[in-house]
Amino acid sequence: MSRCLRCVVSGRVQGVWFRASTQQRATQLGISGSARNLPDGKVEVIACGEIRALEELRDWLWQGPEHARVDDVCCEPLVIERPARFTTG
C-alpha cells in the first residue's frame, strides 16, 4: 500500500547536504517526492511510497547526514498524486 507524507525537519538542517542526502536515501528506498529548504531554516520533505519505506525514511530523517543536528521531525499524511521521482529544490 502506497502513501504520502509531509515532514518538516528542524535543527541544523540547511547547508549540511540534508536535501541531497534525503534524496539519496529516499531513492534507495523506492520513495518519490521532494525536499526543499524553508525560509525559517527548516527542511520540508514530501515522500510517497510503501508504508515500510516511509517509516524507514522517517527514522532516517531523525538522524540526517553527518553534519546535521536534527531537533524535531513532524510528519503528517498528505493526499497528493505520487510524483514520478524524488527531487530537491
PDB file of N, CA and C in Angstrom:
ATOM      1  N   MET A   1       0.846  -1.186   0.000  1.00  0.00           N
ATOM      2  CA  MET A   1       0.000   0.000   0.000  1.00  0.00           C
ATOM      3  C   MET A   1       0.889   1.247   0.000  1.00  0.00           C
ATOM      4  N   SER A   2       0.587   2.172  -0.851  1.00  0.00           N
ATOM      5  CA  SER A   2       1.374   3.388  -1.004  1.00  0.00           C
ATOM      6  C   SER A   2       0.694   4.558  -0.299  1.00  0.00           C
ATOM      7  N   ARG A   3       1.510   5.419   0.289  1.00  0.00           N
ATOM      8  CA  ARG A   3       1.022   6.620   0.976  1.00  0.00           C
ATOM      9  C   ARG A   3       1.972   7.768   0.706  1.00  0.00           C
ATOM     10  N   CYS A   4       1.548   8.960   1.127  1.00  0.00           N
ATOM     11  CA  CYS A   4       2.406  10.136   1.048  1.00  0.00           C
ATOM     12  C   CYS A   4       2.431  10.825   2.406  1.00  0.00           C
ATOM     13  N   LEU A   5       3.598  11.393   2.736  1.00  0.00           N
ATOM     14  CA  LEU A   5       3.784  12.139   3.977  1.00  0.00           C
ATOM     15  C   LEU A   5       4.413  13.486   3.664  1.00  0.00           C
ATOM     16  N   ARG A   6       4.095  14.461   4.498  1.00  0.00           N
ATOM     17  CA  ARG A   6       4.803  15.743   4.509  1.00  0.00           C
ATOM     18  C   ARG A   6       5.500  15.819   5.855  1.00  0.00           C
ATOM     19  N   CYS A   7       6.822  15.926   5.827  1.00  0.00           N
ATOM     20  CA  CYS A   7       7.597  16.024   7.057  1.00  0.00           C
ATOM     21  C   CYS A   7       8.352  17.339   7.064  1.00  0.00           C
ATOM     22  N   VAL A   8       8.381  17.986   8.210  1.00  0.00           N
ATOM     23  CA  VAL A   8       9.164  19.201   8.389  1.00  0.00           C
ATOM     24  C   VAL A   8      10.234  18.884   9.425  1.00  0.00           C
ATOM     25  N   VAL A   9      11.485  19.095   9.030  1.00  0.00           N
ATOM     26  CA  VAL A   9      12.636  18.754   9.866  1.00  0.00           C
ATOM     27  C   VAL A   9      13.275  20.049  10.337  1.00  0.00           C
ATOM     28  N   SER A  10      13.480  20.161  11.651  1.00  0.00           N
ATOM     29  CA  SER A  10      14.092  21.376  12.192  1.00  0.00           C
ATOM     30  C   SER A  10      15.388  21.040  12.914  1.00  0.00           C
ATOM     31  N   GLY A  11      16.211  22.055  13.066  1.00  0.00           N
ATOM     32  CA  GLY A  11      17.525  21.922  13.674  1.00  0.00           C
ATOM     33  C   GLY A  11      18.547  22.532  12.729  1.00  0.00           C
ATOM     34  N   ARG A  12      19.764  22.027  12.738  1.00  0.00           N
ATOM     35  CA  ARG A  12      20.779  22.472  11.780  1.00  0.00           C
ATOM     36  C   ARG A  12      20.657  21.551  10.572  1.00  0.00           C
ATOM     37  N   VAL A  13      19.774  21.916   9.657  1.00  0.00           N
ATOM     38  CA  VAL A  13      19.441  21.052   8.526  1.00  0.00           C
ATOM     39  C   VAL A  13      19.623  21.733   7.171  1.00  0.00           C
ATOM     40  N   GLN A  14      20.044  22.973   7.173  1.00  0.00           N
ATOM     41  CA  GLN A  14      20.354  23.651   5.918  1.00  0.00           C
ATOM     42  C   GLN A  14      21.858  23.874   5.864  1.00  0.00           C
ATOM     43  N   GLY A  15      22.439  23.689   4.671  1.00  0.00           N
ATOM     44  CA  GLY A  15      23.868  23.876   4.492  1.00  0.00           C
ATOM     45  C   GLY A  15      24.701  22.691   4.951  1.00  0.00           C
ATOM     46  N   VAL A  16      24.065  21.538   5.150  1.00  0.00           N
ATOM     47  CA  VAL A  16      24.770  20.330   5.615  1.00  0.00           C
ATOM     48  C   VAL A  16      24.454  19.128   4.718  1.00  0.00           C
ATOM     49  N   TRP A  17      24.048  19.385   3.466  1.00  0.00           N
ATOM     50  CA  TRP A  17      23.716  18.337   2.497  1.00  0.00           C
ATOM     51  C   TRP A  17      22.488  17.521   2.899  1.00  0.00           C
ATOM     52  N   PHE A  18      21.582  18.114   3.667  1.00  0.00           N
ATOM     53  CA  PHE A  18      20.406  17.384   4.133  1.00  0.00           C
ATOM     54  C   PHE A  18      19.496  16.996   2.968  1.00  0.00           C
ATOM     55  N   ARG A  19      19.210  17.928   2.068  1.00  0.00           N
ATOM     56  CA  ARG A  19      18.300  17.626   0.950  1.00  0.00           C
ATOM     57  C   ARG A  19      18.878  16.557   0.034  1.00  0.00           C
ATOM     58  N   ALA A  20      20.147  16.688  -0.331  1.00  0.00           N
ATOM     59  CA  ALA A  20      20.775  15.711  -1.224  1.00  0.00           C
ATOM     60  C   ALA A  20      20.849  14.338  -0.563  1.00  0.00           C
ATOM     61  N   SER A  21      21.167  14.304   0.715  1.00  0.00           N
ATOM     62  CA  SER A  21      21.240  13.028   1.434  1.00  0.00           C
ATOM     63  C   SER A  21      19.862  12.396   1.562  1.00  0.00           C
ATOM     64  N   THR A  22      18.845  13.229   1.761  1.00  0.00           N
ATOM     65  CA  THR A  22      17.473  12.724   1.830  1.00  0.00           C
ATOM     66  C   THR A  22      17.059  12.145   0.486  1.00  0.00           C
ATOM     67  N   GLN A  23      17.419  12.833  -0.596  1.00  0.00           N
ATOM     68  CA  GLN A  23      17.110  12.326  -1.932  1.00  0.00           C
ATOM     69  C   GLN A  23      17.772  10.970  -2.156  1.00  0.00           C
ATOM     70  N   GLN A  24      19.030  10.848  -1.768  1.00  0.00           N
ATOM     71  CA  GLN A  24      19.752   9.589  -1.944  1.00  0.00           C
ATOM     72  C   GLN A  24      19.089   8.465  -1.151  1.00  0.00           C
ATOM     73  N   ARG A  25      18.764   8.724   0.106  1.00  0.00           N
ATOM     74  CA  ARG A  25      18.138   7.693   0.946  1.00  0.00           C
ATOM     75  C   ARG A  25      16.755   7.327   0.410  1.00  0.00           C
ATOM     76  N   ALA A  26      15.971   8.328   0.024  1.00  0.00           N
ATOM     77  CA  ALA A  26      14.630   8.074  -0.499  1.00  0.00           C
ATOM     78  C   ALA A  26      14.692   7.233  -1.770  1.00  0.00           C
ATOM     79  N   THR A  27      15.624   7.549  -2.650  1.00  0.00           N
ATOM     80  CA  THR A  27      15.775   6.794  -3.890  1.00  0.00           C
ATOM     81  C   THR A  27      16.124   5.345  -3.587  1.00  0.00           C
ATOM     82  N   GLN A  28      17.005   5.120  -2.616  1.00  0.00           N
ATOM     83  CA  GLN A  28      17.359   3.758  -2.208  1.00  0.00           C
ATOM     84  C   GLN A  28      16.136   2.991  -1.714  1.00  0.00           C
ATOM     85  N   LEU A  29      15.214   3.690  -1.094  1.00  0.00           N
ATOM     86  CA  LEU A  29      14.021   3.066  -0.523  1.00  0.00           C
ATOM     87  C   LEU A  29      12.855   2.987  -1.511  1.00  0.00           C
ATOM     88  N   GLY A  30      13.023   3.505  -2.727  1.00  0.00           N
ATOM     89  CA  GLY A  30      11.950   3.486  -3.718  1.00  0.00           C
ATOM     90  C   GLY A  30      10.884   4.537  -3.464  1.00  0.00           C
ATOM     91  N   ILE A  31      11.272   5.615  -2.800  1.00  0.00           N
ATOM     92  CA  ILE A  31      10.342   6.696  -2.454  1.00  0.00           C
ATOM     93  C   ILE A  31      10.496   7.831  -3.453  1.00  0.00           C
ATOM     94  N   SER A  32       9.376   8.393  -3.880  1.00  0.00           N
ATOM     95  CA  SER A  32       9.405   9.587  -4.727  1.00  0.00           C
ATOM     96  C   SER A  32       8.927  10.768  -3.887  1.00  0.00           C
ATOM     97  N   GLY A  33       9.187  11.969  -4.382  1.00  0.00           N
ATOM     98  CA  GLY A  33       8.772  13.164  -3.651  1.00  0.00           C
ATOM     99  C   GLY A  33       9.761  14.285  -3.846  1.00  0.00           C
ATOM    100  N   SER A  34       9.998  15.061  -2.769  1.00  0.00           N
ATOM    101  CA  SER A  34      10.891  16.207  -2.874  1.00  0.00           C
ATOM    102  C   SER A  34      11.386  16.624  -1.500  1.00  0.00           C
ATOM    103  N   ALA A  35      12.465  17.412  -1.508  1.00  0.00           N
ATOM    104  CA  ALA A  35      12.974  18.034  -0.291  1.00  0.00           C
ATOM    105  C   ALA A  35      13.343  19.461  -0.653  1.00  0.00           C
ATOM    106  N   ARG A  36      12.934  20.413   0.188  1.00  0.00           N
ATOM    107  CA  ARG A  36      13.257  21.810  -0.100  1.00  0.00           C
ATOM    108  C   ARG A  36      13.502  22.565   1.199  1.00  0.00           C
ATOM    109  N   ASN A  37      14.361  23.574   1.105  1.00  0.00           N
ATOM    110  CA  ASN A  37      14.611  24.447   2.242  1.00  0.00           C
ATOM    111  C   ASN A  37      13.427  25.383   2.431  1.00  0.00           C
ATOM    112  N   LEU A  38      13.079  25.628   3.680  1.00  0.00           N
ATOM    113  CA  LEU A  38      12.042  26.595   4.007  1.00  0.00           C
ATOM    114  C   LEU A  38      12.707  27.876   4.508  1.00  0.00           C
ATOM    115  N   PRO A  39      12.033  29.018   4.369  1.00  0.00           N
ATOM    116  CA  PRO A  39      12.618  30.296   4.776  1.00  0.00           C
ATOM    117  C   PRO A  39      12.987  30.361   6.273  1.00  0.00           C
ATOM    118  N   ASP A  40      12.339  29.550   7.099  1.00  0.00           N
ATOM    119  CA  ASP A  40      12.600  29.598   8.542  1.00  0.00           C
ATOM    120  C   ASP A  40      13.757  28.696   8.977  1.00  0.00           C
ATOM    121  N   GLY A  41      14.500  28.114   8.008  1.00  0.00           N
ATOM    122  CA  GLY A  41      15.650  27.288   8.337  1.00  0.00           C
ATOM    123  C   GLY A  41      15.348  25.799   8.427  1.00  0.00           C
ATOM    124  N   LYS A  42      14.106  25.423   8.257  1.00  0.00           N
ATOM    125  CA  LYS A  42      13.708  24.017   8.292  1.00  0.00           C
ATOM    126  C   LYS A  42      13.772  23.425   6.883  1.00  0.00           C
ATOM    127  N   VAL A  43      13.636  22.113   6.794  1.00  0.00           N
ATOM    128  CA  VAL A  43      13.555  21.424   5.511  1.00  0.00           C
ATOM    129  C   VAL A  43      12.220  20.696   5.442  1.00  0.00           C
ATOM    130  N   GLU A  44      11.517  20.871   4.326  1.00  0.00           N
ATOM    131  CA  GLU A  44      10.256  20.171   4.081  1.00  0.00           C
ATOM    132  C   GLU A  44      10.534  18.986   3.173  1.00  0.00           C
ATOM    133  N   VAL A  45      10.046  17.817   3.572  1.00  0.00           N
ATOM    134  CA  VAL A  45      10.199  16.599   2.781  1.00  0.00           C
ATOM    135  C   VAL A  45       8.811  16.075   2.431  1.00  0.00           C
ATOM    136  N   ILE A  46       8.555  15.918   1.147  1.00  0.00           N
ATOM    137  CA  ILE A  46       7.345  15.253   0.668  1.00  0.00           C
ATOM    138  C   ILE A  46       7.798  13.868   0.217  1.00  0.00           C
ATOM    139  N   ALA A  47       7.202  12.830   0.770  1.00  0.00           N
ATOM    140  CA  ALA A  47       7.639  11.468   0.484  1.00  0.00           C
ATOM    141  C   ALA A  47       6.435  10.582   0.184  1.00  0.00           C
ATOM    142  N   CYS A  48       6.506   9.854  -0.932  1.00  0.00           N
ATOM    143  CA  CYS A  48       5.444   8.936  -1.329  1.00  0.00           C
ATOM    144  C   CYS A  48       6.045   7.565  -1.610  1.00  0.00           C
ATOM    145  N   GLY A  49       5.454   6.544  -1.013  1.00  0.00           N
ATOM    146  CA  GLY A  49       5.950   5.196  -1.221  1.00  0.00           C
ATOM    147  C   GLY A  49       5.247   4.207  -0.329  1.00  0.00           C
ATOM    148  N   GLU A  50       5.815   3.010  -0.258  1.00  0.00           N
ATOM    149  CA  GLU A  50       5.260   1.956   0.583  1.00  0.00           C
ATOM    150  C   GLU A  50       5.423   2.336   2.060  1.00  0.00           C
ATOM    151  N   ILE A  51       4.492   1.891   2.886  1.00  0.00           N
ATOM    152  CA  ILE A  51       4.463   2.279   4.297  1.00  0.00           C
ATOM    153  C   ILE A  51       5.781   1.961   4.999  1.00  0.00           C
ATOM    154  N   ARG A  52       6.316   0.765   4.808  1.00  0.00           N
ATOM    155  CA  ARG A  52       7.586   0.393   5.469  1.00  0.00           C
ATOM    156  C   ARG A  52       8.725   1.302   5.044  1.00  0.00           C
ATOM    157  N   ALA A  53       8.783   1.637   3.760  1.00  0.00           N
ATOM    158  CA  ALA A  53       9.831   2.523   3.262  1.00  0.00           C
ATOM    159  C   ALA A  53       9.687   3.914   3.868  1.00  0.00           C
ATOM    160  N   LEU A  54       8.451   4.398   3.979  1.00  0.00           N
ATOM    161  CA  LEU A  54       8.216   5.712   4.594  1.00  0.00           C
ATOM    162  C   LEU A  54       8.634   5.707   6.057  1.00  0.00           C
ATOM    163  N   GLU A  55       8.360   4.631   6.762  1.00  0.00           N
ATOM    164  CA  GLU A  55       8.778   4.529   8.157  1.00  0.00           C
ATOM    165  C   GLU A  55      10.296   4.575   8.268  1.00  0.00           C
ATOM    166  N   GLU A  56      10.993   3.870   7.359  1.00  0.00           N
ATOM    167  CA  GLU A  56      12.461   3.895   7.364  1.00  0.00           C
ATOM    168  C   GLU A  56      12.991   5.293   7.071  1.00  0.00           C
ATOM    169  N   LEU A  57      12.386   5.984   6.101  1.00  0.00           N
ATOM    170  CA  LEU A  57      12.828   7.335   5.794  1.00  0.00           C
ATOM    171  C   LEU A  57      12.563   8.267   6.971  1.00  0.00           C
ATOM    172  N   ARG A  58      11.402   8.146   7.585  1.00  0.00           N
ATOM    173  CA  ARG A  58      11.086   8.987   8.742  1.00  0.00           C
ATOM    174  C   ARG A  58      12.115   8.780   9.856  1.00  0.00           C
ATOM    175  N   ASP A  59      12.474   7.535  10.115  1.00  0.00           N
ATOM    176  CA  ASP A  59      13.505   7.255  11.123  1.00  0.00           C
ATOM    177  C   ASP A  59      14.841   7.873  10.717  1.00  0.00           C
ATOM    178  N   TRP A  60      15.193   7.774   9.423  1.00  0.00           N
ATOM    179  CA  TRP A  60      16.447   8.353   8.939  1.00  0.00           C
ATOM    180  C   TRP A  60      16.446   9.872   9.090  1.00  0.00           C
ATOM    181  N   LEU A  61      15.289  10.518   8.866  1.00  0.00           N
ATOM    182  CA  LEU A  61      15.219  11.979   8.981  1.00  0.00           C
ATOM    183  C   LEU A  61      15.622  12.450  10.381  1.00  0.00           C
ATOM    184  N   TRP A  62      15.387  11.634  11.383  1.00  0.00           N
ATOM    185  CA  TRP A  62      15.791  11.993  12.754  1.00  0.00           C
ATOM    186  C   TRP A  62      17.308  12.019  12.899  1.00  0.00           C
ATOM    187  N   GLN A  63      18.010  11.331  12.034  1.00  0.00           N
ATOM    188  CA  GLN A  63      19.474  11.308  12.077  1.00  0.00           C
ATOM    189  C   GLN A  63      20.059  12.286  11.064  1.00  0.00           C
ATOM    190  N   GLY A  64      19.649  12.159   9.808  1.00  0.00           N
ATOM    191  CA  GLY A  64      20.161  13.011   8.751  1.00  0.00           C
ATOM    192  C   GLY A  64      21.612  12.712   8.430  1.00  0.00           C
ATOM    193  N   PRO A  65      22.225  13.554   7.592  1.00  0.00           N
ATOM    194  CA  PRO A  65      23.623  13.358   7.230  1.00  0.00           C
ATOM    195  C   PRO A  65      24.562  13.726   8.385  1.00  0.00           C
ATOM    196  N   GLU A  66      25.825  13.466   8.171  1.00  0.00           N
ATOM    197  CA  GLU A  66      26.836  13.572   9.229  1.00  0.00           C
ATOM    198  C   GLU A  66      26.849  14.902   9.978  1.00  0.00           C
ATOM    199  N   HIS A  67      26.766  16.022   9.293  1.00  0.00           N
ATOM    200  CA  HIS A  67      26.915  17.324   9.950  1.00  0.00           C
ATOM    201  C   HIS A  67      25.595  17.963  10.376  1.00  0.00           C
ATOM    202  N   ALA A  68      24.503  17.266  10.188  1.00  0.00           N
ATOM    203  CA  ALA A  68      23.196  17.789  10.600  1.00  0.00           C
ATOM    204  C   ALA A  68      22.996  17.591  12.107  1.00  0.00           C
ATOM    205  N   ARG A  69      22.153  18.433  12.664  1.00  0.00           N
ATOM    206  CA  ARG A  69      21.679  18.258  14.038  1.00  0.00           C
ATOM    207  C   ARG A  69      20.155  18.396  13.981  1.00  0.00           C
ATOM    208  N   VAL A  70      19.469  17.291  14.110  1.00  0.00           N
ATOM    209  CA  VAL A  70      18.012  17.298  13.994  1.00  0.00           C
ATOM    210  C   VAL A  70      17.400  17.478  15.374  1.00  0.00           C
ATOM    211  N   ASP A  71      16.571  18.512  15.513  1.00  0.00           N
ATOM    212  CA  ASP A  71      15.868  18.776  16.769  1.00  0.00           C
ATOM    213  C   ASP A  71      14.460  18.192  16.769  1.00  0.00           C
ATOM    214  N   ASP A  72      13.812  18.177  15.601  1.00  0.00           N
ATOM    215  CA  ASP A  72      12.432  17.691  15.539  1.00  0.00           C
ATOM    216  C   ASP A  72      12.092  17.272  14.115  1.00  0.00           C
ATOM    217  N   VAL A  73      11.238  16.274  14.014  1.00  0.00           N
ATOM    218  CA  VAL A  73      10.676  15.830  12.739  1.00  0.00           C
ATOM    219  C   VAL A  73       9.172  15.712  12.953  1.00  0.00           C
ATOM    220  N   CYS A  74       8.411  16.506  12.236  1.00  0.00           N
ATOM    221  CA  CYS A  74       6.953  16.494  12.362  1.00  0.00           C
ATOM    222  C   CYS A  74       6.372  16.032  11.026  1.00  0.00           C
ATOM    223  N   CYS A  75       5.721  14.861  11.020  1.00  0.00           N
ATOM    224  CA  CYS A  75       5.158  14.296   9.791  1.00  0.00           C
ATOM    225  C   CYS A  75       3.643  14.210   9.879  1.00  0.00           C
ATOM    226  N   GLU A  76       3.013  14.406   8.726  1.00  0.00           N
ATOM    227  CA  GLU A  76       1.560  14.282   8.633  1.00  0.00           C
ATOM    228  C   GLU A  76       1.210  13.645   7.295  1.00  0.00           C
ATOM    229  N   PRO A  77       0.103  12.906   7.243  1.00  0.00           N
ATOM    230  CA  PRO A  77      -0.321  12.308   5.970  1.00  0.00           C
ATOM    231  C   PRO A  77      -0.640  13.403   4.955  1.00  0.00           C
ATOM    232  N   LEU A  78      -0.419  13.101   3.710  1.00  0.00           N
ATOM    233  CA  LEU A  78      -0.654  14.050   2.637  1.00  0.00           C
ATOM    234  C   LEU A  78      -1.365  13.315   1.511  1.00  0.00           C
ATOM    235  N   VAL A  79      -2.405  13.917   0.965  1.00  0.00           N
ATOM    236  CA  VAL A  79      -3.143  13.312  -0.142  1.00  0.00           C
ATOM    237  C   VAL A  79      -2.771  14.066  -1.420  1.00  0.00           C
ATOM    238  N   ILE A  80      -1.878  13.450  -2.197  1.00  0.00           N
ATOM    239  CA  ILE A  80      -1.453  14.009  -3.484  1.00  0.00           C
ATOM    240  C   ILE A  80      -1.234  12.859  -4.452  1.00  0.00           C
ATOM    241  N   GLU A  81      -1.126  13.191  -5.711  1.00  0.00           N
ATOM    242  CA  GLU A  81      -0.749  12.184  -6.698  1.00  0.00           C
ATOM    243  C   GLU A  81       0.743  11.926  -6.554  1.00  0.00           C
ATOM    244  N   ARG A  82       1.122  10.658  -6.554  1.00  0.00           N
ATOM    245  CA  ARG A  82       2.518  10.303  -6.332  1.00  0.00           C
ATOM    246  C   ARG A  82       3.413  10.835  -7.451  1.00  0.00           C
ATOM    247  N   PRO A  83       4.470  11.604  -7.079  1.00  0.00           N
ATOM    248  CA  PRO A  83       5.412  12.083  -8.089  1.00  0.00           C
ATOM    249  C   PRO A  83       6.172  10.925  -8.723  1.00  0.00           C
ATOM    250  N   ALA A  84       6.724  11.136  -9.900  1.00  0.00           N
ATOM    251  CA  ALA A  84       7.439  10.085 -10.615  1.00  0.00           C
ATOM    252  C   ALA A  84       8.810   9.795 -10.006  1.00  0.00           C
ATOM    253  N   ARG A  85       9.433  10.810  -9.374  1.00  0.00           N
ATOM    254  CA  ARG A  85      10.779  10.641  -8.833  1.00  0.00           C
ATOM    255  C   ARG A  85      10.967  11.540  -7.618  1.00  0.00           C
ATOM    256  N   PHE A  86      12.166  11.540  -7.039  1.00  0.00           N
ATOM    257  CA  PHE A  86      12.478  12.388  -5.900  1.00  0.00           C
ATOM    258  C   PHE A  86      13.353  13.539  -6.384  1.00  0.00           C
ATOM    259  N   THR A  87      12.992  14.765  -6.030  1.00  0.00           N
ATOM    260  CA  THR A  87      13.732  15.937  -6.447  1.00  0.00           C
ATOM    261  C   THR A  87      14.087  16.821  -5.247  1.00  0.00           C
ATOM    262  N   THR A  88      15.049  17.701  -5.442  1.00  0.00           N
ATOM    263  CA  THR A  88      15.356  18.709  -4.430  1.00  0.00           C
ATOM    264  C   THR A  88      15.149  20.072  -5.067  1.00  0.00           C
ATOM    265  N   GLY A  89      14.765  21.025  -4.268  1.00  0.00           N
ATOM    266  CA  GLY A  89      14.521  22.337  -4.826  1.00  0.00           C
ATOM    267  C   GLY A  89      14.699  23.425  -3.842  1.00  0.00           C
TER     268      GLY A  89
END
